[in-house]
Amino acid sequence: MEAVQKKKKKAGRRPKAVKREVRAAVRFTKSEYFIVKEKAATAGKKPTEYIRQLAIKAEIKTRLTDEERRFLKDLISIGNNINQIAKACHAEGVLKAMMYFKNYVIQMDQVIKKLKS
């Protein structure tokens, strides 16, 4: 007769399909961690899974580049100039204010063209 060999069961836990090898530590205050736990519970996830998904899927707005900051500064100064035009319109009359306004409209168009390109 043939000897029937039985397969021995391996002891321990089954290997995971995806093994996470890198650990990243994050520190929270008690109030911050409470908020994270509440949001995770609302989403029906564990806090670690919630944080992991946020870190991977969330979009972060990038800071403005130096060029974009310059354009923004130009637009702010143009807005200030338009306020000065309004004051001049009230104080000196409409004709002088119209001349100022045309000049600033041209400047605004140039800045907007630079932003678009």
PDB file of N, CA and C in Angstrom:
ATOM      1  N   MET A   1       0.807  -1.172   0.000  1.00  0.00           N
ATOM      2  CA  MET A   1       0.000   0.000   0.000  1.00  0.00           C
ATOM      3  C   MET A   1       0.863   1.254   0.000  1.00  0.00           C
ATOM      4  N   GLU A   2       0.258   2.250  -0.552  1.00  0.00           N
ATOM      5  CA  GLU A   2       0.982   3.511  -0.651  1.00  0.00           C
ATOM      6  C   GLU A   2       0.779   4.330   0.623  1.00  0.00           C
ATOM      7  N   ALA A   3       1.798   4.995   0.985  1.00  0.00           N
ATOM      8  CA  ALA A   3       1.706   5.847   2.164  1.00  0.00           C
ATOM      9  C   ALA A   3       1.080   7.183   1.763  1.00  0.00           C
ATOM     10  N   VAL A   4       0.054   7.549   2.433  1.00  0.00           N
ATOM     11  CA  VAL A   4      -0.630   8.818   2.155  1.00  0.00           C
ATOM     12  C   VAL A   4       0.067   9.907   2.968  1.00  0.00           C
ATOM     13  N   GLN A   5       0.531  10.885   2.234  1.00  0.00           N
ATOM     14  CA  GLN A   5       1.212  11.973   2.934  1.00  0.00           C
ATOM     15  C   GLN A   5       0.222  13.098   3.173  1.00  0.00           C
ATOM     16  N   LYS A   6       0.120  13.498   4.393  1.00  0.00           N
ATOM     17  CA  LYS A   6      -0.740  14.624   4.735  1.00  0.00           C
ATOM     18  C   LYS A   6       0.104  15.899   4.740  1.00  0.00           C
ATOM     19  N   LYS A   7      -0.493  16.943   4.190  1.00  0.00           N
ATOM     20  CA  LYS A   7       0.203  18.231   4.207  1.00  0.00           C
ATOM     21  C   LYS A   7       0.073  18.823   5.590  1.00  0.00           C
ATOM     22  N   LYS A   8       1.194  19.252   6.111  1.00  0.00           N
ATOM     23  CA  LYS A   8       1.167  19.881   7.422  1.00  0.00           C
ATOM     24  C   LYS A   8       0.691  21.322   7.259  1.00  0.00           C
ATOM     25  N   LYS A   9      -0.162  21.747   8.152  1.00  0.00           N
ATOM     26  CA  LYS A   9      -0.605  23.134   8.143  1.00  0.00           C
ATOM     27  C   LYS A   9       0.486  23.987   8.769  1.00  0.00           C
ATOM     28  N   LYS A  10       0.738  25.102   8.122  1.00  0.00           N
ATOM     29  CA  LYS A  10       1.735  26.014   8.673  1.00  0.00           C
ATOM     30  C   LYS A  10       1.112  26.807   9.800  1.00  0.00           C
ATOM     31  N   ALA A  11       1.842  26.976  10.830  1.00  0.00           N
ATOM     32  CA  ALA A  11       1.353  27.743  11.971  1.00  0.00           C
ATOM     33  C   ALA A  11       1.542  29.227  11.701  1.00  0.00           C
ATOM     34  N   GLY A  12       0.706  30.017  12.318  1.00  0.00           N
ATOM     35  CA  GLY A  12       0.869  31.466  12.211  1.00  0.00           C
ATOM     36  C   GLY A  12      -0.130  32.096  11.262  1.00  0.00           C
ATOM     37  N   ARG A  13       0.071  33.336  11.054  1.00  0.00           N
ATOM     38  CA  ARG A  13      -0.823  34.149  10.245  1.00  0.00           C
ATOM     39  C   ARG A  13      -0.488  34.005   8.768  1.00  0.00           C
ATOM     40  N   ARG A  14      -1.502  34.096   7.921  1.00  0.00           N
ATOM     41  CA  ARG A  14      -1.267  34.062   6.477  1.00  0.00           C
ATOM     42  C   ARG A  14      -0.534  35.329   6.047  1.00  0.00           C
ATOM     43  N   PRO A  15       0.316  35.219   5.050  1.00  0.00           N
ATOM     44  CA  PRO A  15       0.999  36.432   4.584  1.00  0.00           C
ATOM     45  C   PRO A  15       0.007  37.385   3.916  1.00  0.00           C
ATOM     46  N   LYS A  16       0.218  38.664   4.131  1.00  0.00           N
ATOM     47  CA  LYS A  16      -0.655  39.684   3.552  1.00  0.00           C
ATOM     48  C   LYS A  16      -0.360  39.834   2.074  1.00  0.00           C
ATOM     49  N   ALA A  17      -1.380  40.241   1.313  1.00  0.00           N
ATOM     50  CA  ALA A  17      -1.210  40.454  -0.121  1.00  0.00           C
ATOM     51  C   ALA A  17      -0.313  41.672  -0.374  1.00  0.00           C
ATOM     52  N   VAL A  18      -0.530  42.722   0.400  1.00  0.00           N
ATOM     53  CA  VAL A  18       0.271  43.936   0.263  1.00  0.00           C
ATOM     54  C   VAL A  18       0.968  44.183   1.587  1.00  0.00           C
ATOM     55  N   LYS A  19       2.277  44.157   1.555  1.00  0.00           N
ATOM     56  CA  LYS A  19       3.038  44.373   2.778  1.00  0.00           C
ATOM     57  C   LYS A  19       3.539  45.811   2.796  1.00  0.00           C
ATOM     58  N   ARG A  20       3.159  46.532   3.831  1.00  0.00           N
ATOM     59  CA  ARG A  20       3.611  47.916   3.975  1.00  0.00           C
ATOM     60  C   ARG A  20       4.929  47.879   4.731  1.00  0.00           C
ATOM     61  N   GLU A  21       5.963  48.384   4.090  1.00  0.00           N
ATOM     62  CA  GLU A  21       7.299  48.247   4.645  1.00  0.00           C
ATOM     63  C   GLU A  21       7.835  49.509   5.288  1.00  0.00           C
ATOM     64  N   VAL A  22       7.294  50.663   4.906  1.00  0.00           N
ATOM     65  CA  VAL A  22       7.820  51.934   5.402  1.00  0.00           C
ATOM     66  C   VAL A  22       6.859  52.491   6.441  1.00  0.00           C
ATOM     67  N   ARG A  23       7.401  52.946   7.543  1.00  0.00           N
ATOM     68  CA  ARG A  23       6.587  53.520   8.609  1.00  0.00           C
ATOM     69  C   ARG A  23       6.891  55.015   8.671  1.00  0.00           C
ATOM     70  N   ALA A  24       5.832  55.824   8.715  1.00  0.00           N
ATOM     71  CA  ALA A  24       5.976  57.271   8.848  1.00  0.00           C
ATOM     72  C   ALA A  24       5.220  57.696  10.098  1.00  0.00           C
ATOM     73  N   ALA A  25       5.900  58.359  10.989  1.00  0.00           N
ATOM     74  CA  ALA A  25       5.274  58.777  12.244  1.00  0.00           C
ATOM     75  C   ALA A  25       4.725  60.192  12.099  1.00  0.00           C
ATOM     76  N   VAL A  26       3.531  60.391  12.635  1.00  0.00           N
ATOM     77  CA  VAL A  26       2.897  61.707  12.631  1.00  0.00           C
ATOM     78  C   VAL A  26       2.475  62.003  14.057  1.00  0.00           C
ATOM     79  N   ARG A  27       2.754  63.196  14.517  1.00  0.00           N
ATOM     80  CA  ARG A  27       2.360  63.560  15.884  1.00  0.00           C
ATOM     81  C   ARG A  27       1.160  64.511  15.818  1.00  0.00           C
ATOM     82  N   PHE A  28       0.203  64.267  16.698  1.00  0.00           N
ATOM     83  CA  PHE A  28      -0.982  65.101  16.813  1.00  0.00           C
ATOM     84  C   PHE A  28      -1.116  65.584  18.250  1.00  0.00           C
ATOM     85  N   THR A  29      -1.772  66.722  18.414  1.00  0.00           N
ATOM     86  CA  THR A  29      -2.205  67.097  19.753  1.00  0.00           C
ATOM     87  C   THR A  29      -3.426  66.239  20.064  1.00  0.00           C
ATOM     88  N   LYS A  30      -3.852  66.227  21.324  1.00  0.00           N
ATOM     89  CA  LYS A  30      -5.011  65.413  21.687  1.00  0.00           C
ATOM     90  C   LYS A  30      -6.253  65.860  20.918  1.00  0.00           C
ATOM     91  N   SER A  31      -6.415  67.173  20.788  1.00  0.00           N
ATOM     92  CA  SER A  31      -7.598  67.678  20.075  1.00  0.00           C
ATOM     93  C   SER A  31      -7.534  67.343  18.587  1.00  0.00           C
ATOM     94  N   GLU A  32      -6.348  67.440  17.981  1.00  0.00           N
ATOM     95  CA  GLU A  32      -6.207  67.082  16.563  1.00  0.00           C
ATOM     96  C   GLU A  32      -6.515  65.606  16.344  1.00  0.00           C
ATOM     97  N   TYR A  33      -5.990  64.759  17.230  1.00  0.00           N
ATOM     98  CA  TYR A  33      -6.223  63.321  17.075  1.00  0.00           C
ATOM     99  C   TYR A  33      -7.698  62.976  17.273  1.00  0.00           C
ATOM    100  N   PHE A  34      -8.359  63.673  18.184  1.00  0.00           N
ATOM    101  CA  PHE A  34      -9.790  63.453  18.380  1.00  0.00           C
ATOM    102  C   PHE A  34     -10.555  63.784  17.097  1.00  0.00           C
ATOM    103  N   ILE A  35     -10.190  64.887  16.451  1.00  0.00           N
ATOM    104  CA  ILE A  35     -10.844  65.279  15.201  1.00  0.00           C
ATOM    105  C   ILE A  35     -10.601  64.226  14.127  1.00  0.00           C
ATOM    106  N   VAL A  36      -9.361  63.740  14.015  1.00  0.00           N
ATOM    107  CA  VAL A  36      -9.038  62.707  13.020  1.00  0.00           C
ATOM    108  C   VAL A  36      -9.843  61.446  13.293  1.00  0.00           C
ATOM    109  N   LYS A  37      -9.920  61.033  14.571  1.00  0.00           N
ATOM    110  CA  LYS A  37     -10.678  59.833  14.924  1.00  0.00           C
ATOM    111  C   LYS A  37     -12.157  59.985  14.587  1.00  0.00           C
ATOM    112  N   GLU A  38     -12.720  61.151  14.858  1.00  0.00           N
ATOM    113  CA  GLU A  38     -14.126  61.396  14.552  1.00  0.00           C
ATOM    114  C   GLU A  38     -14.386  61.368  13.045  1.00  0.00           C
ATOM    115  N   LYS A  39     -13.513  61.998  12.286  1.00  0.00           N
ATOM    116  CA  LYS A  39     -13.680  61.996  10.827  1.00  0.00           C
ATOM    117  C   LYS A  39     -13.528  60.585  10.269  1.00  0.00           C
ATOM    118  N   ALA A  40     -12.587  59.825  10.816  1.00  0.00           N
ATOM    119  CA  ALA A  40     -12.394  58.445  10.373  1.00  0.00           C
ATOM    120  C   ALA A  40     -13.624  57.609  10.704  1.00  0.00           C
ATOM    121  N   ALA A  41     -14.178  57.796  11.886  1.00  0.00           N
ATOM    122  CA  ALA A  41     -15.372  57.050  12.275  1.00  0.00           C
ATOM    123  C   ALA A  41     -16.551  57.415  11.372  1.00  0.00           C
ATOM    124  N   THR A  42     -16.672  58.687  11.043  1.00  0.00           N
ATOM    125  CA  THR A  42     -17.733  59.126  10.139  1.00  0.00           C
ATOM    126  C   THR A  42     -17.581  58.477   8.767  1.00  0.00           C
ATOM    127  N   ALA A  43     -16.333  58.329   8.326  1.00  0.00           N
ATOM    128  CA  ALA A  43     -16.059  57.700   7.029  1.00  0.00           C
ATOM    129  C   ALA A  43     -16.110  56.175   7.113  1.00  0.00           C
ATOM    130  N   GLY A  44     -16.224  55.631   8.331  1.00  0.00           N
ATOM    131  CA  GLY A  44     -16.280  54.191   8.504  1.00  0.00           C
ATOM    132  C   GLY A  44     -14.932  53.514   8.327  1.00  0.00           C
ATOM    133  N   LYS A  45     -13.873  54.205   8.705  1.00  0.00           N
ATOM    134  CA  LYS A  45     -12.518  53.669   8.551  1.00  0.00           C
ATOM    135  C   LYS A  45     -11.760  53.808   9.866  1.00  0.00           C
ATOM    136  N   LYS A  46     -10.665  53.062   9.965  1.00  0.00           N
ATOM    137  CA  LYS A  46      -9.757  53.222  11.097  1.00  0.00           C
ATOM    138  C   LYS A  46      -8.949  54.493  10.866  1.00  0.00           C
ATOM    139  N   PRO A  47      -8.472  55.133  11.938  1.00  0.00           N
ATOM    140  CA  PRO A  47      -7.698  56.372  11.759  1.00  0.00           C
ATOM    141  C   PRO A  47      -6.481  56.196  10.844  1.00  0.00           C
ATOM    142  N   THR A  48      -5.784  55.061  10.942  1.00  0.00           N
ATOM    143  CA  THR A  48      -4.601  54.874  10.093  1.00  0.00           C
ATOM    144  C   THR A  48      -4.982  54.812   8.622  1.00  0.00           C
ATOM    145  N   GLU A  49      -6.061  54.094   8.321  1.00  0.00           N
ATOM    146  CA  GLU A  49      -6.510  53.983   6.925  1.00  0.00           C
ATOM    147  C   GLU A  49      -7.003  55.340   6.413  1.00  0.00           C
ATOM    148  N   TYR A  50      -7.686  56.081   7.275  1.00  0.00           N
ATOM    149  CA  TYR A  50      -8.189  57.406   6.923  1.00  0.00           C
ATOM    150  C   TYR A  50      -7.032  58.347   6.579  1.00  0.00           C
ATOM    151  N   ILE A  51      -6.011  58.372   7.433  1.00  0.00           N
ATOM    152  CA  ILE A  51      -4.845  59.247   7.205  1.00  0.00           C
ATOM    153  C   ILE A  51      -4.118  58.823   5.935  1.00  0.00           C
ATOM    154  N   ARG A  52      -3.967  57.516   5.733  1.00  0.00           N
ATOM    155  CA  ARG A  52      -3.280  57.001   4.541  1.00  0.00           C
ATOM    156  C   ARG A  52      -4.004  57.461   3.263  1.00  0.00           C
ATOM    157  N   GLN A  53      -5.332  57.321   3.249  1.00  0.00           N
ATOM    158  CA  GLN A  53      -6.085  57.724   2.060  1.00  0.00           C
ATOM    159  C   GLN A  53      -6.015  59.219   1.836  1.00  0.00           C
ATOM    160  N   LEU A  54      -6.070  60.005   2.914  1.00  0.00           N
ATOM    161  CA  LEU A  54      -5.943  61.457   2.759  1.00  0.00           C
ATOM    162  C   LEU A  54      -4.579  61.832   2.189  1.00  0.00           C
ATOM    163  N   ALA A  55      -3.539  61.187   2.685  1.00  0.00           N
ATOM    164  CA  ALA A  55      -2.183  61.511   2.236  1.00  0.00           C
ATOM    165  C   ALA A  55      -2.003  61.178   0.759  1.00  0.00           C
ATOM    166  N   ILE A  56      -2.646  60.126   0.295  1.00  0.00           N
ATOM    167  CA  ILE A  56      -2.456  59.698  -1.096  1.00  0.00           C
ATOM    168  C   ILE A  56      -3.384  60.435  -2.051  1.00  0.00           C
ATOM    169  N   LYS A  57      -4.638  60.625  -1.658  1.00  0.00           N
ATOM    170  CA  LYS A  57      -5.633  61.132  -2.600  1.00  0.00           C
ATOM    171  C   LYS A  57      -5.913  62.627  -2.503  1.00  0.00           C
ATOM    172  N   ALA A  58      -5.574  63.253  -1.401  1.00  0.00           N
ATOM    173  CA  ALA A  58      -5.912  64.669  -1.219  1.00  0.00           C
ATOM    174  C   ALA A  58      -5.070  65.546  -2.136  1.00  0.00           C
ATOM    175  N   GLU A  59      -5.672  66.636  -2.606  1.00  0.00           N
ATOM    176  CA  GLU A  59      -4.948  67.588  -3.436  1.00  0.00           C
ATOM    177  C   GLU A  59      -4.511  68.762  -2.577  1.00  0.00           C
ATOM    178  N   ILE A  60      -3.274  69.112  -2.711  1.00  0.00           N
ATOM    179  CA  ILE A  60      -2.719  70.239  -1.975  1.00  0.00           C
ATOM    180  C   ILE A  60      -2.520  71.379  -2.961  1.00  0.00           C
ATOM    181  N   LYS A  61      -2.981  72.552  -2.581  1.00  0.00           N
ATOM    182  CA  LYS A  61      -2.782  73.710  -3.444  1.00  0.00           C
ATOM    183  C   LYS A  61      -1.333  74.156  -3.329  1.00  0.00           C
ATOM    184  N   THR A  62      -0.704  74.344  -4.467  1.00  0.00           N
ATOM    185  CA  THR A  62       0.690  74.766  -4.459  1.00  0.00           C
ATOM    186  C   THR A  62       0.776  76.264  -4.169  1.00  0.00           C
ATOM    187  N   ARG A  63       1.907  76.666  -3.679  1.00  0.00           N
ATOM    188  CA  ARG A  63       2.126  78.094  -3.425  1.00  0.00           C
ATOM    189  C   ARG A  63       2.319  78.816  -4.747  1.00  0.00           C
ATOM    190  N   LEU A  64       2.123  80.115  -4.683  1.00  0.00           N
ATOM    191  CA  LEU A  64       2.321  80.930  -5.889  1.00  0.00           C
ATOM    192  C   LEU A  64       3.804  81.006  -6.218  1.00  0.00           C
ATOM    193  N   THR A  65       4.094  80.995  -7.506  1.00  0.00           N
ATOM    194  CA  THR A  65       5.478  81.186  -7.932  1.00  0.00           C
ATOM    195  C   THR A  65       5.829  82.659  -7.782  1.00  0.00           C
ATOM    196  N   ASP A  66       7.106  82.973  -7.896  1.00  0.00           N
ATOM    197  CA  ASP A  66       7.540  84.372  -7.790  1.00  0.00           C
ATOM    198  C   ASP A  66       6.876  85.230  -8.866  1.00  0.00           C
ATOM    199  N   GLU A  67       6.757  84.673 -10.064  1.00  0.00           N
ATOM    200  CA  GLU A  67       6.143  85.404 -11.174  1.00  0.00           C
ATOM    201  C   GLU A  67       4.665  85.677 -10.889  1.00  0.00           C
ATOM    202  N   GLU A  68       3.957  84.670 -10.366  1.00  0.00           N
ATOM    203  CA  GLU A  68       2.545  84.859 -10.035  1.00  0.00           C
ATOM    204  C   GLU A  68       2.375  85.885  -8.910  1.00  0.00           C
ATOM    205  N   ARG A  69       3.292  85.879  -7.951  1.00  0.00           N
ATOM    206  CA  ARG A  69       3.238  86.877  -6.880  1.00  0.00           C
ATOM    207  C   ARG A  69       3.415  88.287  -7.436  1.00  0.00           C
ATOM    208  N   ARG A  70       4.343  88.419  -8.385  1.00  0.00           N
ATOM    209  CA  ARG A  70       4.564  89.731  -9.001  1.00  0.00           C
ATOM    210  C   ARG A  70       3.300  90.208  -9.718  1.00  0.00           C
ATOM    211  N   PHE A  71       2.660  89.291 -10.470  1.00  0.00           N
ATOM    212  CA  PHE A  71       1.434  89.660 -11.183  1.00  0.00           C
ATOM    213  C   PHE A  71       0.332  90.052 -10.194  1.00  0.00           C
ATOM    214  N   LEU A  72       0.223  89.319  -9.104  1.00  0.00           N
ATOM    215  CA  LEU A  72      -0.784  89.625  -8.097  1.00  0.00           C
ATOM    216  C   LEU A  72      -0.522  90.992  -7.480  1.00  0.00           C
ATOM    217  N   LYS A  73       0.746  91.280  -7.222  1.00  0.00           N
ATOM    218  CA  LYS A  73       1.119  92.583  -6.667  1.00  0.00           C
ATOM    219  C   LYS A  73       0.751  93.701  -7.651  1.00  0.00           C
ATOM    220  N   ASP A  74       0.989  93.443  -8.942  1.00  0.00           N
ATOM    221  CA  ASP A  74       0.628  94.431  -9.972  1.00  0.00           C
ATOM    222  C   ASP A  74      -0.882  94.673  -9.981  1.00  0.00           C
ATOM    223  N   LEU A  75      -1.663  93.588  -9.904  1.00  0.00           N
ATOM    224  CA  LEU A  75      -3.120  93.744  -9.904  1.00  0.00           C
ATOM    225  C   LEU A  75      -3.596  94.512  -8.684  1.00  0.00           C
ATOM    226  N   ILE A  76      -2.976  94.274  -7.530  1.00  0.00           N
ATOM    227  CA  ILE A  76      -3.352  94.998  -6.310  1.00  0.00           C
ATOM    228  C   ILE A  76      -3.043  96.476  -6.460  1.00  0.00           C
ATOM    229  N   SER A  77      -1.876  96.776  -7.022  1.00  0.00           N
ATOM    230  CA  SER A  77      -1.522  98.194  -7.192  1.00  0.00           C
ATOM    231  C   SER A  77      -2.446  98.866  -8.202  1.00  0.00           C
ATOM    232  N   ILE A  78      -2.864  98.114  -9.223  1.00  0.00           N
ATOM    233  CA  ILE A  78      -3.808  98.677 -10.198  1.00  0.00           C
ATOM    234  C   ILE A  78      -5.147  98.954  -9.511  1.00  0.00           C
ATOM    235  N   GLY A  79      -5.569  98.042  -8.625  1.00  0.00           N
ATOM    236  CA  GLY A  79      -6.807  98.276  -7.872  1.00  0.00           C
ATOM    237  C   GLY A  79      -6.708  99.530  -7.026  1.00  0.00           C
ATOM    238  N   ASN A  80      -5.557  99.746  -6.403  1.00  0.00           N
ATOM    239  CA  ASN A  80      -5.351 100.970  -5.625  1.00  0.00           C
ATOM    240  C   ASN A  80      -5.427 102.198  -6.516  1.00  0.00           C
ATOM    241  N   ASN A  81      -4.850 102.091  -7.719  1.00  0.00           N
ATOM    242  CA  ASN A  81      -4.894 103.217  -8.653  1.00  0.00           C
ATOM    243  C   ASN A  81      -6.322 103.521  -9.081  1.00  0.00           C
ATOM    244  N   ILE A  82      -7.142 102.494  -9.248  1.00  0.00           N
ATOM    245  CA  ILE A  82      -8.543 102.714  -9.632  1.00  0.00           C
ATOM    246  C   ILE A  82      -9.280 103.450  -8.505  1.00  0.00           C
ATOM    247  N   ASN A  83      -8.950 103.118  -7.255  1.00  0.00           N
ATOM    248  CA  ASN A  83      -9.548 103.859  -6.141  1.00  0.00           C
ATOM    249  C   ASN A  83      -9.131 105.330  -6.178  1.00  0.00           C
ATOM    250  N   GLN A  84      -7.883 105.582  -6.538  1.00  0.00           N
ATOM    251  CA  GLN A  84      -7.421 106.964  -6.662  1.00  0.00           C
ATOM    252  C   GLN A  84      -8.156 107.684  -7.786  1.00  0.00           C
ATOM    253  N   ILE A  85      -8.477 106.941  -8.853  1.00  0.00           N
ATOM    254  CA  ILE A  85      -9.243 107.530  -9.961  1.00  0.00           C
ATOM    255  C   ILE A  85     -10.628 107.944  -9.467  1.00  0.00           C
ATOM    256  N   ALA A  86     -11.251 107.080  -8.671  1.00  0.00           N
ATOM    257  CA  ALA A  86     -12.577 107.402  -8.144  1.00  0.00           C
ATOM    258  C   ALA A  86     -12.528 108.666  -7.290  1.00  0.00           C
ATOM    259  N   LYS A  87     -11.465 108.792  -6.478  1.00  0.00           N
ATOM    260  CA  LYS A  87     -11.311 110.005  -5.659  1.00  0.00           C
ATOM    261  C   LYS A  87     -11.124 111.234  -6.551  1.00  0.00           C
ATOM    262  N   ALA A  88     -10.282 111.077  -7.602  1.00  0.00           N
ATOM    263  CA  ALA A  88     -10.040 112.201  -8.511  1.00  0.00           C
ATOM    264  C   ALA A  88     -11.317 112.579  -9.245  1.00  0.00           C
ATOM    265  N   CYS A  89     -12.123 111.598  -9.577  1.00  0.00           N
ATOM    266  CA  CYS A  89     -13.381 111.850 -10.270  1.00  0.00           C
ATOM    267  C   CYS A  89     -14.298 112.709  -9.398  1.00  0.00           C
ATOM    268  N   HIS A  90     -14.328 112.407  -8.102  1.00  0.00           N
ATOM    269  CA  HIS A  90     -15.168 113.184  -7.200  1.00  0.00           C
ATOM    270  C   HIS A  90     -14.586 114.580  -6.964  1.00  0.00           C
ATOM    271  N   ALA A  91     -13.279 114.691  -6.902  1.00  0.00           N
ATOM    272  CA  ALA A  91     -12.647 115.966  -6.548  1.00  0.00           C
ATOM    273  C   ALA A  91     -12.421 116.879  -7.753  1.00  0.00           C
ATOM    274  N   GLU A  92     -11.910 116.340  -8.865  1.00  0.00           N
ATOM    275  CA  GLU A  92     -11.460 117.191  -9.966  1.00  0.00           C
ATOM    276  C   GLU A  92     -12.347 117.147 -11.200  1.00  0.00           C
ATOM    277  N   GLY A  93     -13.207 116.202 -11.282  1.00  0.00           N
ATOM    278  CA  GLY A  93     -14.073 116.135 -12.448  1.00  0.00           C
ATOM    279  C   GLY A  93     -13.842 114.860 -13.248  1.00  0.00           C
ATOM    280  N   VAL A  94     -14.765 114.609 -14.134  1.00  0.00           N
ATOM    281  CA  VAL A  94     -14.798 113.343 -14.857  1.00  0.00           C
ATOM    282  C   VAL A  94     -13.716 113.264 -15.928  1.00  0.00           C
ATOM    283  N   LEU A  95     -13.397 114.361 -16.599  1.00  0.00           N
ATOM    284  CA  LEU A  95     -12.458 114.320 -17.733  1.00  0.00           C
ATOM    285  C   LEU A  95     -11.075 113.840 -17.306  1.00  0.00           C
ATOM    286  N   LYS A  96     -10.537 114.374 -16.223  1.00  0.00           N
ATOM    287  CA  LYS A  96      -9.219 113.963 -15.759  1.00  0.00           C
ATOM    288  C   LYS A  96      -9.241 112.500 -15.303  1.00  0.00           C
ATOM    289  N   ALA A  97     -10.326 112.088 -14.645  1.00  0.00           N
ATOM    290  CA  ALA A  97     -10.451 110.708 -14.197  1.00  0.00           C
ATOM    291  C   ALA A  97     -10.490 109.752 -15.383  1.00  0.00           C
ATOM    292  N   MET A  98     -11.132 110.146 -16.470  1.00  0.00           N
ATOM    293  CA  MET A  98     -11.195 109.305 -17.679  1.00  0.00           C
ATOM    294  C   MET A  98      -9.794 109.066 -18.238  1.00  0.00           C
ATOM    295  N   MET A  99      -8.948 110.097 -18.217  1.00  0.00           N
ATOM    296  CA  MET A  99      -7.579 109.940 -18.722  1.00  0.00           C
ATOM    297  C   MET A  99      -6.820 108.936 -17.857  1.00  0.00           C
ATOM    298  N   TYR A 100      -6.926 109.057 -16.542  1.00  0.00           N
ATOM    299  CA  TYR A 100      -6.285 108.099 -15.645  1.00  0.00           C
ATOM    300  C   TYR A 100      -6.800 106.679 -15.893  1.00  0.00           C
ATOM    301  N   PHE A 101      -8.108 106.581 -16.022  1.00  0.00           N
ATOM    302  CA  PHE A 101      -8.741 105.277 -16.173  1.00  0.00           C
ATOM    303  C   PHE A 101      -8.268 104.565 -17.435  1.00  0.00           C
ATOM    304  N   LYS A 102      -8.180 105.280 -18.562  1.00  0.00           N
ATOM    305  CA  LYS A 102      -7.709 104.655 -19.809  1.00  0.00           C
ATOM    306  C   LYS A 102      -6.298 104.103 -19.633  1.00  0.00           C
ATOM    307  N   ASN A 103      -5.437 104.863 -18.967  1.00  0.00           N
ATOM    308  CA  ASN A 103      -4.061 104.436 -18.731  1.00  0.00           C
ATOM    309  C   ASN A 103      -4.038 103.136 -17.919  1.00  0.00           C
ATOM    310  N   TYR A 104      -4.859 103.038 -16.884  1.00  0.00           N
ATOM    311  CA  TYR A 104      -4.854 101.848 -16.029  1.00  0.00           C
ATOM    312  C   TYR A 104      -5.528 100.649 -16.687  1.00  0.00           C
ATOM    313  N   VAL A 105      -6.473 100.899 -17.559  1.00  0.00           N
ATOM    314  CA  VAL A 105      -7.095  99.794 -18.297  1.00  0.00           C
ATOM    315  C   VAL A 105      -6.058  99.139 -19.207  1.00  0.00           C
ATOM    316  N   ILE A 106      -5.231  99.947 -19.817  1.00  0.00           N
ATOM    317  CA  ILE A 106      -4.160  99.413 -20.677  1.00  0.00           C
ATOM    318  C   ILE A 106      -3.186  98.579 -19.834  1.00  0.00           C
ATOM    319  N   GLN A 107      -2.813  99.081 -18.665  1.00  0.00           N
ATOM    320  CA  GLN A 107      -1.909  98.338 -17.785  1.00  0.00           C
ATOM    321  C   GLN A 107      -2.525  97.017 -17.332  1.00  0.00           C
ATOM    322  N   MET A 108      -3.811  97.031 -17.010  1.00  0.00           N
ATOM    323  CA  MET A 108      -4.482  95.795 -16.580  1.00  0.00           C
ATOM    324  C   MET A 108      -4.509  94.769 -17.707  1.00  0.00           C
ATOM    325  N   ASP A 109      -4.767  95.221 -18.918  1.00  0.00           N
ATOM    326  CA  ASP A 109      -4.773  94.304 -20.066  1.00  0.00           C
ATOM    327  C   ASP A 109      -3.407  93.649 -20.255  1.00  0.00           C
ATOM    328  N   GLN A 110      -2.342  94.424 -20.071  1.00  0.00           N
ATOM    329  CA  GLN A 110      -0.994  93.870 -20.216  1.00  0.00           C
ATOM    330  C   GLN A 110      -0.717  92.811 -19.146  1.00  0.00           C
ATOM    331  N   VAL A 111      -1.106  93.077 -17.919  1.00  0.00           N
ATOM    332  CA  VAL A 111      -0.876  92.115 -16.834  1.00  0.00           C
ATOM    333  C   VAL A 111      -1.682  90.844 -17.078  1.00  0.00           C
ATOM    334  N   ILE A 112      -2.930  90.990 -17.506  1.00  0.00           N
ATOM    335  CA  ILE A 112      -3.771  89.810 -17.764  1.00  0.00           C
ATOM    336  C   ILE A 112      -3.209  88.985 -18.924  1.00  0.00           C
ATOM    337  N   LYS A 113      -2.695  89.646 -19.947  1.00  0.00           N
ATOM    338  CA  LYS A 113      -2.076  88.903 -21.061  1.00  0.00           C
ATOM    339  C   LYS A 113      -0.862  88.123 -20.582  1.00  0.00           C
ATOM    340  N   LYS A 114      -0.059  88.723 -19.682  1.00  0.00           N
ATOM    341  CA  LYS A 114       1.100  88.027 -19.138  1.00  0.00           C
ATOM    342  C   LYS A 114       0.671  86.807 -18.315  1.00  0.00           C
ATOM    343  N   LEU A 115      -0.420  86.947 -17.559  1.00  0.00           N
ATOM    344  CA  LEU A 115      -0.908  85.835 -16.753  1.00  0.00           C
ATOM    345  C   LEU A 115      -1.404  84.686 -17.632  1.00  0.00           C
ATOM    346  N   LYS A 116      -2.033  85.002 -18.744  1.00  0.00           N
ATOM    347  CA  LYS A 116      -2.578  83.966 -19.630  1.00  0.00           C
ATOM    348  C   LYS A 116      -1.485  83.218 -20.374  1.00  0.00           C
ATOM    349  N   SER A 117      -0.375  83.897 -20.647  1.00  0.00           N
ATOM    350  CA  SER A 117       0.695  83.232 -21.419  1.00  0.00           C
ATOM    351  C   SER A 117       1.633  82.454 -20.534  1.00  0.00           C
TER     352      SER A 117
END
